[in-house]
Amino acid sequence: MDSNLEEWHRSAGFTDAQQQAIAEARQRFHTAGGPTTQRIIERIAVAITQTFTDSDVMVERWPSHIRVLMNKFSRSAAQPAKEFESWARPRDQEKRKQALSVWTSLLAFLIFNWKSYGADGALVSMGLNLSWTLKDDIDTIRYYAKSGRSLKVLGQMASIFFVKMIKDATATPHTNPLVWWLAVLIQTEVLGDQPRWKLAGLQDTLSFSPKLEAIDHYARVLVLEDAFYRGDLSPAEKEDLQDSLNQVSISWIDQDAERPPVDSLQNLLQRVSH
């Protein structure tokens, strides 16, 4: 696998100067201990954890054919006929925390290296050239995290920001932060051996393959949610669908149980959503 990753990283076209800038920025981030920086990172971590976990749980309310379809769009080795499964049960706690840290570290690293408009040279020096839309998003998220405002709104901002990256049809390692982040991880953790960071009290222990799985898992969750909330349904149709989804019991998740057999309400949702 390492040889394939090395070849992909080489084809991404990062210069020696850009790779050096990435290595130095990662080291600075690893040792950053200022109270303002730590407070911003902690708030981002909490917001992403709450928002992503809630979204992940909601997937279990959808009919089985929707969850099967989610796996068909997976980049992982999951069986196409297998239903998507959330990581929301108590047994998944450690896996969930590590997976969410992949997304948290990406956003925290971007914000750590963002100062203001016209002063985003740190990211440019690392080979990332952001659109003005993404610059606006990062600047707003940084301000919101620093100001101590609503964690729910902060989580929603992060989700919208990530969805833009996931749905970017022209993504490259030099324009899309998510693809660029893969290059950063390959350089510093697969081809290099830089120290793993500790974010919001959680020590990173994942190798590259589980990190890809974490990105793949939550990317599908975010896209489903985006399709529902920002799709073509009318407000009335969305409300009706949301009411129907809310009637599906997911108490088995908190009970750390297995998903129960499909009930009559799920069967109805199956027919309606086809």
C-alpha atoms as a PDB file:
ATOM      1  CA  MET A   1       0.000   0.000   0.000  1.00  0.00           C
ATOM      2  CA  ASP A   2       2.811   2.407   0.884  1.00  0.00           C
ATOM      3  CA  SER A   3       4.201   2.268  -2.657  1.00  0.00           C
ATOM      4  CA  ASN A   4       0.800   3.222  -4.089  1.00  0.00           C
ATOM      5  CA  LEU A   5       0.483   6.079  -1.629  1.00  0.00           C
ATOM      6  CA  GLU A   6       4.005   7.220  -2.418  1.00  0.00           C
ATOM      7  CA  GLU A   7       3.199   7.237  -6.125  1.00  0.00           C
ATOM      8  CA  TRP A   8      -0.028   9.190  -5.538  1.00  0.00           C
ATOM      9  CA  HIS A   9       1.800  11.695  -3.365  1.00  0.00           C
ATOM     10  CA  ARG A  10       4.504  12.123  -5.987  1.00  0.00           C
ATOM     11  CA  SER A  11       1.883  12.682  -8.698  1.00  0.00           C
ATOM     12  CA  ALA A  12       0.239  15.383  -6.548  1.00  0.00           C
ATOM     13  CA  GLY A  13       3.179  17.622  -7.400  1.00  0.00           C
ATOM     14  CA  PHE A  14       4.163  19.124  -4.067  1.00  0.00           C
ATOM     15  CA  THR A  15       7.506  20.914  -4.299  1.00  0.00           C
ATOM     16  CA  ASP A  16      10.317  20.337  -1.825  1.00  0.00           C
ATOM     17  CA  ALA A  17       9.630  23.773  -0.340  1.00  0.00           C
ATOM     18  CA  GLN A  18       5.935  22.971   0.121  1.00  0.00           C
ATOM     19  CA  GLN A  19       6.726  19.647   1.771  1.00  0.00           C
ATOM     20  CA  GLN A  20       9.173  21.362   4.102  1.00  0.00           C
ATOM     21  CA  ALA A  21       6.533  23.965   4.981  1.00  0.00           C
ATOM     22  CA  ILE A  22       4.045  21.172   5.762  1.00  0.00           C
ATOM     23  CA  ALA A  23       6.533  19.392   8.030  1.00  0.00           C
ATOM     24  CA  GLU A  24       7.347  22.595   9.906  1.00  0.00           C
ATOM     25  CA  ALA A  25       3.684  23.608  10.249  1.00  0.00           C
ATOM     26  CA  ARG A  26       2.771  20.203  11.592  1.00  0.00           C
ATOM     27  CA  GLN A  27       5.531  20.461  14.185  1.00  0.00           C
ATOM     28  CA  ARG A  28       4.295  23.911  15.249  1.00  0.00           C
ATOM     29  CA  PHE A  29       0.764  22.585  15.516  1.00  0.00           C
ATOM     30  CA  HIS A  30       1.976  19.589  17.515  1.00  0.00           C
ATOM     31  CA  THR A  31       3.586  21.840  20.111  1.00  0.00           C
ATOM     32  CA  ALA A  32       0.979  24.636  20.151  1.00  0.00           C
ATOM     33  CA  GLY A  33      -0.162  25.197  23.715  1.00  0.00           C
ATOM     34  CA  GLY A  34      -1.506  28.734  23.876  1.00  0.00           C
ATOM     35  CA  PRO A  35      -4.824  29.085  25.743  1.00  0.00           C
ATOM     36  CA  THR A  36      -6.622  30.730  22.817  1.00  0.00           C
ATOM     37  CA  THR A  37      -5.492  28.054  20.365  1.00  0.00           C
ATOM     38  CA  GLN A  38      -6.418  25.250  22.747  1.00  0.00           C
ATOM     39  CA  ARG A  39      -9.835  26.791  23.436  1.00  0.00           C
ATOM     40  CA  ILE A  40     -10.575  27.063  19.715  1.00  0.00           C
ATOM     41  CA  ILE A  41      -9.496  23.451  19.105  1.00  0.00           C
ATOM     42  CA  GLU A  42     -11.544  22.162  22.040  1.00  0.00           C
ATOM     43  CA  ARG A  43     -14.665  23.965  20.851  1.00  0.00           C
ATOM     44  CA  ILE A  44     -14.209  22.642  17.322  1.00  0.00           C
ATOM     45  CA  ALA A  45     -13.749  19.121  18.702  1.00  0.00           C
ATOM     46  CA  VAL A  46     -16.926  19.319  20.791  1.00  0.00           C
ATOM     47  CA  ALA A  47     -18.958  20.854  17.957  1.00  0.00           C
ATOM     48  CA  ILE A  48     -17.868  18.234  15.416  1.00  0.00           C
ATOM     49  CA  THR A  49     -18.413  15.394  17.884  1.00  0.00           C
ATOM     50  CA  GLN A  50     -21.945  16.507  18.697  1.00  0.00           C
ATOM     51  CA  THR A  51     -22.966  17.307  15.129  1.00  0.00           C
ATOM     52  CA  PHE A  52     -21.409  14.282  13.435  1.00  0.00           C
ATOM     53  CA  THR A  53     -22.693  11.858  16.077  1.00  0.00           C
ATOM     54  CA  ASP A  54     -26.241  13.210  15.826  1.00  0.00           C
ATOM     55  CA  SER A  55     -26.098  12.940  12.030  1.00  0.00           C
ATOM     56  CA  ASP A  56     -24.685   9.412  12.246  1.00  0.00           C
ATOM     57  CA  VAL A  57     -27.493   8.333  14.572  1.00  0.00           C
ATOM     58  CA  MET A  58     -30.125   9.745  12.220  1.00  0.00           C
ATOM     59  CA  VAL A  59     -28.949   7.433   9.436  1.00  0.00           C
ATOM     60  CA  GLU A  60     -30.402   4.512  11.403  1.00  0.00           C
ATOM     61  CA  ARG A  61     -33.889   5.978  10.974  1.00  0.00           C
ATOM     62  CA  TRP A  62     -33.711   5.715   7.187  1.00  0.00           C
ATOM     63  CA  PRO A  63     -35.091   2.667   5.308  1.00  0.00           C
ATOM     64  CA  SER A  64     -32.715  -0.185   4.629  1.00  0.00           C
ATOM     65  CA  HIS A  65     -32.492   0.437   0.863  1.00  0.00           C
ATOM     66  CA  ILE A  66     -31.181   3.952   1.555  1.00  0.00           C
ATOM     67  CA  ARG A  67     -28.487   2.527   3.834  1.00  0.00           C
ATOM     68  CA  VAL A  68     -27.597  -0.092   1.219  1.00  0.00           C
ATOM     69  CA  LEU A  69     -27.285   2.686  -1.358  1.00  0.00           C
ATOM     70  CA  MET A  70     -24.943   4.579   0.978  1.00  0.00           C
ATOM     71  CA  ASN A  71     -22.571   1.617   0.986  1.00  0.00           C
ATOM     72  CA  LYS A  72     -22.643   1.370  -2.789  1.00  0.00           C
ATOM     73  CA  PHE A  73     -21.071   4.816  -2.875  1.00  0.00           C
ATOM     74  CA  SER A  74     -18.386   3.821  -0.402  1.00  0.00           C
ATOM     75  CA  ARG A  75     -14.695   3.792  -1.334  1.00  0.00           C
ATOM     76  CA  SER A  76     -14.098   1.054   1.225  1.00  0.00           C
ATOM     77  CA  ALA A  77     -14.257  -2.703   0.884  1.00  0.00           C
ATOM     78  CA  ALA A  78     -17.770  -2.901   2.365  1.00  0.00           C
ATOM     79  CA  GLN A  79     -20.060  -5.351   0.587  1.00  0.00           C
ATOM     80  CA  PRO A  80     -22.413  -3.454  -1.790  1.00  0.00           C
ATOM     81  CA  ALA A  81     -25.474  -5.284  -0.431  1.00  0.00           C
ATOM     82  CA  LYS A  82     -24.572  -4.569   3.177  1.00  0.00           C
ATOM     83  CA  GLU A  83     -26.467  -1.797   4.919  1.00  0.00           C
ATOM     84  CA  PHE A  84     -24.558   1.206   6.197  1.00  0.00           C
ATOM     85  CA  GLU A  85     -24.080   1.002   9.958  1.00  0.00           C
ATOM     86  CA  SER A  86     -23.552   3.971  12.241  1.00  0.00           C
ATOM     87  CA  TRP A  87     -20.766   4.175  14.813  1.00  0.00           C
ATOM     88  CA  ALA A  88     -23.100   5.584  17.446  1.00  0.00           C
ATOM     89  CA  ARG A  89     -23.478   2.719  19.919  1.00  0.00           C
ATOM     90  CA  PRO A  90     -21.583   2.640  23.225  1.00  0.00           C
ATOM     91  CA  ARG A  91     -19.423  -0.216  21.903  1.00  0.00           C
ATOM     92  CA  ASP A  92     -18.210   2.114  19.133  1.00  0.00           C
ATOM     93  CA  GLN A  93     -17.108   4.898  21.472  1.00  0.00           C
ATOM     94  CA  GLU A  94     -13.341   4.597  21.029  1.00  0.00           C
ATOM     95  CA  LYS A  95     -13.621   4.030  17.276  1.00  0.00           C
ATOM     96  CA  ARG A  96     -15.948   7.020  17.013  1.00  0.00           C
ATOM     97  CA  LYS A  97     -13.644   9.302  19.004  1.00  0.00           C
ATOM     98  CA  GLN A  98     -10.616   8.392  16.904  1.00  0.00           C
ATOM     99  CA  ALA A  99     -12.559   8.745  13.639  1.00  0.00           C
ATOM    100  CA  LEU A 100     -13.934  12.148  14.581  1.00  0.00           C
ATOM    101  CA  SER A 101     -10.438  13.325  15.470  1.00  0.00           C
ATOM    102  CA  VAL A 102      -9.488  12.911  11.791  1.00  0.00           C
ATOM    103  CA  TRP A 103     -12.043  15.563  10.842  1.00  0.00           C
ATOM    104  CA  THR A 104     -11.284  17.714  13.878  1.00  0.00           C
ATOM    105  CA  SER A 105      -7.552  17.732  13.144  1.00  0.00           C
ATOM    106  CA  LEU A 106      -8.152  18.804   9.533  1.00  0.00           C
ATOM    107  CA  LEU A 107     -10.290  21.794  10.506  1.00  0.00           C
ATOM    108  CA  ALA A 108      -8.108  22.698  13.487  1.00  0.00           C
ATOM    109  CA  PHE A 109      -4.951  22.596  11.347  1.00  0.00           C
ATOM    110  CA  LEU A 110      -6.513  24.855   8.726  1.00  0.00           C
ATOM    111  CA  ILE A 111      -7.648  27.357  11.339  1.00  0.00           C
ATOM    112  CA  PHE A 112      -4.305  27.226  13.159  1.00  0.00           C
ATOM    113  CA  ASN A 113      -2.600  28.254   9.924  1.00  0.00           C
ATOM    114  CA  TRP A 114      -5.184  30.900   9.007  1.00  0.00           C
ATOM    115  CA  LYS A 115      -4.784  34.427  10.306  1.00  0.00           C
ATOM    116  CA  SER A 116      -6.812  36.748   8.102  1.00  0.00           C
ATOM    117  CA  TYR A 117      -7.489  37.699   4.497  1.00  0.00           C
ATOM    118  CA  GLY A 118      -4.254  38.579   2.789  1.00  0.00           C
ATOM    119  CA  ALA A 119      -2.316  36.771   5.512  1.00  0.00           C
ATOM    120  CA  ASP A 120      -3.096  33.193   4.484  1.00  0.00           C
ATOM    121  CA  GLY A 121       0.425  32.674   3.183  1.00  0.00           C
ATOM    122  CA  ALA A 122       1.048  29.737   5.516  1.00  0.00           C
ATOM    123  CA  LEU A 123      -1.480  27.590   3.671  1.00  0.00           C
ATOM    124  CA  VAL A 124      -0.255  28.788   0.281  1.00  0.00           C
ATOM    125  CA  SER A 125       3.315  27.906   1.241  1.00  0.00           C
ATOM    126  CA  MET A 126       2.067  24.366   1.941  1.00  0.00           C
ATOM    127  CA  GLY A 127       0.588  24.089  -1.542  1.00  0.00           C
ATOM    128  CA  LEU A 128      -3.056  24.822  -0.687  1.00  0.00           C
ATOM    129  CA  ASN A 129      -4.692  27.560  -2.762  1.00  0.00           C
ATOM    130  CA  LEU A 130      -8.189  28.158  -1.424  1.00  0.00           C
ATOM    131  CA  SER A 131     -11.141  29.665  -3.238  1.00  0.00           C
ATOM    132  CA  TRP A 132     -12.632  32.814  -1.739  1.00  0.00           C
ATOM    133  CA  THR A 133     -15.675  30.792  -0.667  1.00  0.00           C
ATOM    134  CA  LEU A 134     -13.564  28.391   1.382  1.00  0.00           C
ATOM    135  CA  LYS A 135     -11.549  31.287   2.790  1.00  0.00           C
ATOM    136  CA  ASP A 136     -14.812  32.868   3.926  1.00  0.00           C
ATOM    137  CA  ASP A 137     -15.828  29.607   5.593  1.00  0.00           C
ATOM    138  CA  ILE A 138     -12.538  29.169   7.453  1.00  0.00           C
ATOM    139  CA  ASP A 139     -12.503  32.794   8.573  1.00  0.00           C
ATOM    140  CA  THR A 140     -16.088  32.577   9.846  1.00  0.00           C
ATOM    141  CA  ILE A 141     -15.547  29.257  11.623  1.00  0.00           C
ATOM    142  CA  ARG A 142     -12.392  30.573  13.294  1.00  0.00           C
ATOM    143  CA  TYR A 143     -14.182  33.714  14.477  1.00  0.00           C
ATOM    144  CA  TYR A 144     -17.164  31.724  15.725  1.00  0.00           C
ATOM    145  CA  ALA A 145     -15.011  29.181  17.571  1.00  0.00           C
ATOM    146  CA  LYS A 146     -12.938  31.941  19.157  1.00  0.00           C
ATOM    147  CA  SER A 147     -15.970  33.998  20.223  1.00  0.00           C
ATOM    148  CA  GLY A 148     -17.499  31.181  22.270  1.00  0.00           C
ATOM    149  CA  ARG A 149     -20.856  31.199  20.506  1.00  0.00           C
ATOM    150  CA  SER A 150     -23.291  28.308  19.939  1.00  0.00           C
ATOM    151  CA  LEU A 151     -21.615  24.916  19.527  1.00  0.00           C
ATOM    152  CA  LYS A 152     -24.612  23.719  17.522  1.00  0.00           C
ATOM    153  CA  VAL A 153     -24.172  26.501  14.973  1.00  0.00           C
ATOM    154  CA  LEU A 154     -20.411  25.909  14.922  1.00  0.00           C
ATOM    155  CA  GLY A 155     -21.020  22.238  14.153  1.00  0.00           C
ATOM    156  CA  GLN A 156     -23.422  23.126  11.351  1.00  0.00           C
ATOM    157  CA  MET A 157     -20.845  25.508   9.876  1.00  0.00           C
ATOM    158  CA  ALA A 158     -18.240  22.754   9.940  1.00  0.00           C
ATOM    159  CA  SER A 159     -20.616  20.285   8.267  1.00  0.00           C
ATOM    160  CA  ILE A 160     -21.451  22.697   5.443  1.00  0.00           C
ATOM    161  CA  PHE A 161     -17.743  23.423   4.962  1.00  0.00           C
ATOM    162  CA  PHE A 162     -16.914  19.718   4.734  1.00  0.00           C
ATOM    163  CA  VAL A 163     -19.786  18.997   2.335  1.00  0.00           C
ATOM    164  CA  LYS A 164     -18.415  21.608  -0.073  1.00  0.00           C
ATOM    165  CA  MET A 165     -15.135  19.687  -0.137  1.00  0.00           C
ATOM    166  CA  ILE A 166     -16.797  16.284  -0.494  1.00  0.00           C
ATOM    167  CA  LYS A 167     -18.981  17.416  -3.411  1.00  0.00           C
ATOM    168  CA  ASP A 168     -16.201  19.297  -5.206  1.00  0.00           C
ATOM    169  CA  ALA A 169     -16.199  17.782  -8.695  1.00  0.00           C
ATOM    170  CA  THR A 170     -12.889  19.417  -9.632  1.00  0.00           C
ATOM    171  CA  ALA A 171     -10.986  18.608  -6.440  1.00  0.00           C
ATOM    172  CA  THR A 172      -7.192  18.544  -6.533  1.00  0.00           C
ATOM    173  CA  PRO A 173      -4.606  18.253  -3.732  1.00  0.00           C
ATOM    174  CA  HIS A 174      -3.842  21.947  -4.228  1.00  0.00           C
ATOM    175  CA  THR A 175      -7.392  23.352  -4.158  1.00  0.00           C
ATOM    176  CA  ASN A 176      -9.465  21.023  -1.988  1.00  0.00           C
ATOM    177  CA  PRO A 177      -8.579  20.963   1.743  1.00  0.00           C
ATOM    178  CA  LEU A 178      -9.761  17.373   2.205  1.00  0.00           C
ATOM    179  CA  VAL A 179      -7.646  15.980  -0.641  1.00  0.00           C
ATOM    180  CA  TRP A 180      -4.769  18.208   0.455  1.00  0.00           C
ATOM    181  CA  TRP A 181      -5.134  16.795   3.983  1.00  0.00           C
ATOM    182  CA  LEU A 182      -4.687  13.274   2.622  1.00  0.00           C
ATOM    183  CA  ALA A 183      -1.412  14.428   1.084  1.00  0.00           C
ATOM    184  CA  VAL A 184      -0.362  15.949   4.413  1.00  0.00           C
ATOM    185  CA  LEU A 185      -1.113  12.699   6.251  1.00  0.00           C
ATOM    186  CA  ILE A 186       0.713  10.598   3.671  1.00  0.00           C
ATOM    187  CA  GLN A 187       3.784  12.829   3.791  1.00  0.00           C
ATOM    188  CA  THR A 188       3.992  13.153   7.573  1.00  0.00           C
ATOM    189  CA  GLU A 189       2.693   9.780   8.787  1.00  0.00           C
ATOM    190  CA  VAL A 190       3.169   7.205   6.004  1.00  0.00           C
ATOM    191  CA  LEU A 191       6.289   8.389   4.192  1.00  0.00           C
ATOM    192  CA  GLY A 192       7.514  10.333   7.216  1.00  0.00           C
ATOM    193  CA  ASP A 193       7.423   9.658  10.927  1.00  0.00           C
ATOM    194  CA  GLN A 194       6.368  12.868  12.617  1.00  0.00           C
ATOM    195  CA  PRO A 195       4.944  12.692  16.150  1.00  0.00           C
ATOM    196  CA  ARG A 196       1.226  12.032  16.417  1.00  0.00           C
ATOM    197  CA  TRP A 197      -0.678  14.919  17.889  1.00  0.00           C
ATOM    198  CA  LYS A 198      -3.037  15.059  20.801  1.00  0.00           C
ATOM    199  CA  LEU A 199      -6.222  17.020  20.175  1.00  0.00           C
ATOM    200  CA  ALA A 200      -8.676  18.027  22.894  1.00  0.00           C
ATOM    201  CA  GLY A 201      -7.213  15.375  25.185  1.00  0.00           C
ATOM    202  CA  LEU A 202      -7.365  12.547  22.613  1.00  0.00           C
ATOM    203  CA  GLN A 203      -4.122  10.944  21.432  1.00  0.00           C
ATOM    204  CA  ASP A 204      -4.145  10.039  17.741  1.00  0.00           C
ATOM    205  CA  THR A 205      -3.501   6.301  17.304  1.00  0.00           C
ATOM    206  CA  LEU A 206      -4.937   5.568  13.852  1.00  0.00           C
ATOM    207  CA  SER A 207      -2.848   4.442  10.910  1.00  0.00           C
ATOM    208  CA  PHE A 208      -3.609   5.839   7.454  1.00  0.00           C
ATOM    209  CA  SER A 209      -6.061   3.119   6.384  1.00  0.00           C
ATOM    210  CA  PRO A 210      -8.462   3.624   9.341  1.00  0.00           C
ATOM    211  CA  LYS A 211      -8.241   7.366   8.755  1.00  0.00           C
ATOM    212  CA  LEU A 212      -9.423   6.828   5.185  1.00  0.00           C
ATOM    213  CA  GLU A 213     -12.265   4.721   6.572  1.00  0.00           C
ATOM    214  CA  ALA A 214     -13.183   7.526   8.989  1.00  0.00           C
ATOM    215  CA  ILE A 215     -13.281  10.049   6.146  1.00  0.00           C
ATOM    216  CA  ASP A 216     -15.307   7.673   3.979  1.00  0.00           C
ATOM    217  CA  HIS A 217     -17.822   6.887   6.737  1.00  0.00           C
ATOM    218  CA  TYR A 218     -18.677  10.409   7.790  1.00  0.00           C
ATOM    219  CA  ALA A 219     -18.522  11.771   4.238  1.00  0.00           C
ATOM    220  CA  ARG A 220     -21.471   9.544   3.355  1.00  0.00           C
ATOM    221  CA  VAL A 221     -23.324  10.630   6.489  1.00  0.00           C
ATOM    222  CA  LEU A 222     -22.839  14.302   5.645  1.00  0.00           C
ATOM    223  CA  VAL A 223     -23.889  13.871   2.013  1.00  0.00           C
ATOM    224  CA  LEU A 224     -27.118  12.107   3.018  1.00  0.00           C
ATOM    225  CA  GLU A 225     -27.931  14.869   5.476  1.00  0.00           C
ATOM    226  CA  ASP A 226     -27.112  17.523   2.884  1.00  0.00           C
ATOM    227  CA  ALA A 227     -29.379  15.849   0.323  1.00  0.00           C
ATOM    228  CA  PHE A 228     -32.225  15.883   2.835  1.00  0.00           C
ATOM    229  CA  TYR A 229     -31.898  19.429   4.170  1.00  0.00           C
ATOM    230  CA  ARG A 230     -30.723  21.146   0.998  1.00  0.00           C
ATOM    231  CA  GLY A 231     -32.350  18.931  -1.618  1.00  0.00           C
ATOM    232  CA  ASP A 232     -35.303  19.562  -3.925  1.00  0.00           C
ATOM    233  CA  LEU A 233     -38.079  18.661  -1.485  1.00  0.00           C
ATOM    234  CA  SER A 234     -40.516  21.402  -0.567  1.00  0.00           C
ATOM    235  CA  PRO A 235     -40.600  22.572   3.070  1.00  0.00           C
ATOM    236  CA  ALA A 236     -43.854  20.670   3.598  1.00  0.00           C
ATOM    237  CA  GLU A 237     -42.393  17.472   2.110  1.00  0.00           C
ATOM    238  CA  LYS A 238     -39.293  17.777   4.281  1.00  0.00           C
ATOM    239  CA  GLU A 239     -41.433  18.254   7.368  1.00  0.00           C
ATOM    240  CA  ASP A 240     -43.550  15.201   6.542  1.00  0.00           C
ATOM    241  CA  LEU A 241     -40.475  13.075   5.904  1.00  0.00           C
ATOM    242  CA  GLN A 242     -38.794  14.306   9.093  1.00  0.00           C
ATOM    243  CA  ASP A 243     -41.929  13.480  11.097  1.00  0.00           C
ATOM    244  CA  SER A 244     -41.943   9.971   9.633  1.00  0.00           C
ATOM    245  CA  LEU A 245     -38.257   9.447  10.358  1.00  0.00           C
ATOM    246  CA  ASN A 246     -38.697  10.674  13.926  1.00  0.00           C
ATOM    247  CA  GLN A 247     -41.266   7.952  14.537  1.00  0.00           C
ATOM    248  CA  VAL A 248     -38.686   5.222  13.905  1.00  0.00           C
ATOM    249  CA  SER A 249     -37.329   4.062  17.247  1.00  0.00           C
ATOM    250  CA  ILE A 250     -33.561   4.037  17.641  1.00  0.00           C
ATOM    251  CA  SER A 251     -33.532   3.277  21.363  1.00  0.00           C
ATOM    252  CA  TRP A 252     -31.537   0.136  20.569  1.00  0.00           C
ATOM    253  CA  ILE A 253     -28.506   2.342  19.876  1.00  0.00           C
ATOM    254  CA  ASP A 254     -28.258   3.616  23.463  1.00  0.00           C
ATOM    255  CA  GLN A 255     -28.938   0.060  24.639  1.00  0.00           C
ATOM    256  CA  ASP A 256     -25.892  -1.130  22.660  1.00  0.00           C
ATOM    257  CA  ALA A 257     -28.106  -3.694  20.949  1.00  0.00           C
ATOM    258  CA  GLU A 258     -28.364  -4.928  17.378  1.00  0.00           C
ATOM    259  CA  ARG A 259     -30.669  -3.271  14.877  1.00  0.00           C
ATOM    260  CA  PRO A 260     -34.142  -4.820  15.249  1.00  0.00           C
ATOM    261  CA  PRO A 261     -36.051  -6.381  12.344  1.00  0.00           C
ATOM    262  CA  VAL A 262     -37.817  -3.956  10.014  1.00  0.00           C
ATOM    263  CA  ASP A 263     -41.186  -2.958  11.480  1.00  0.00           C
ATOM    264  CA  SER A 264     -44.357  -1.789   9.754  1.00  0.00           C
ATOM    265  CA  LEU A 265     -43.344   1.887   9.894  1.00  0.00           C
ATOM    266  CA  GLN A 266     -40.019   1.119   8.267  1.00  0.00           C
ATOM    267  CA  ASN A 267     -41.849  -0.858   5.582  1.00  0.00           C
ATOM    268  CA  LEU A 268     -44.052   2.164   4.945  1.00  0.00           C
ATOM    269  CA  LEU A 269     -41.007   4.431   4.688  1.00  0.00           C
ATOM    270  CA  GLN A 270     -39.454   1.944   2.295  1.00  0.00           C
ATOM    271  CA  ARG A 271     -42.414   2.271  -0.071  1.00  0.00           C
ATOM    272  CA  VAL A 272     -42.695   6.057   0.250  1.00  0.00           C
ATOM    273  CA  SER A 273     -38.995   6.758  -0.326  1.00  0.00           C
ATOM    274  CA  HIS A 274     -38.642   4.592  -3.432  1.00  0.00           C
END
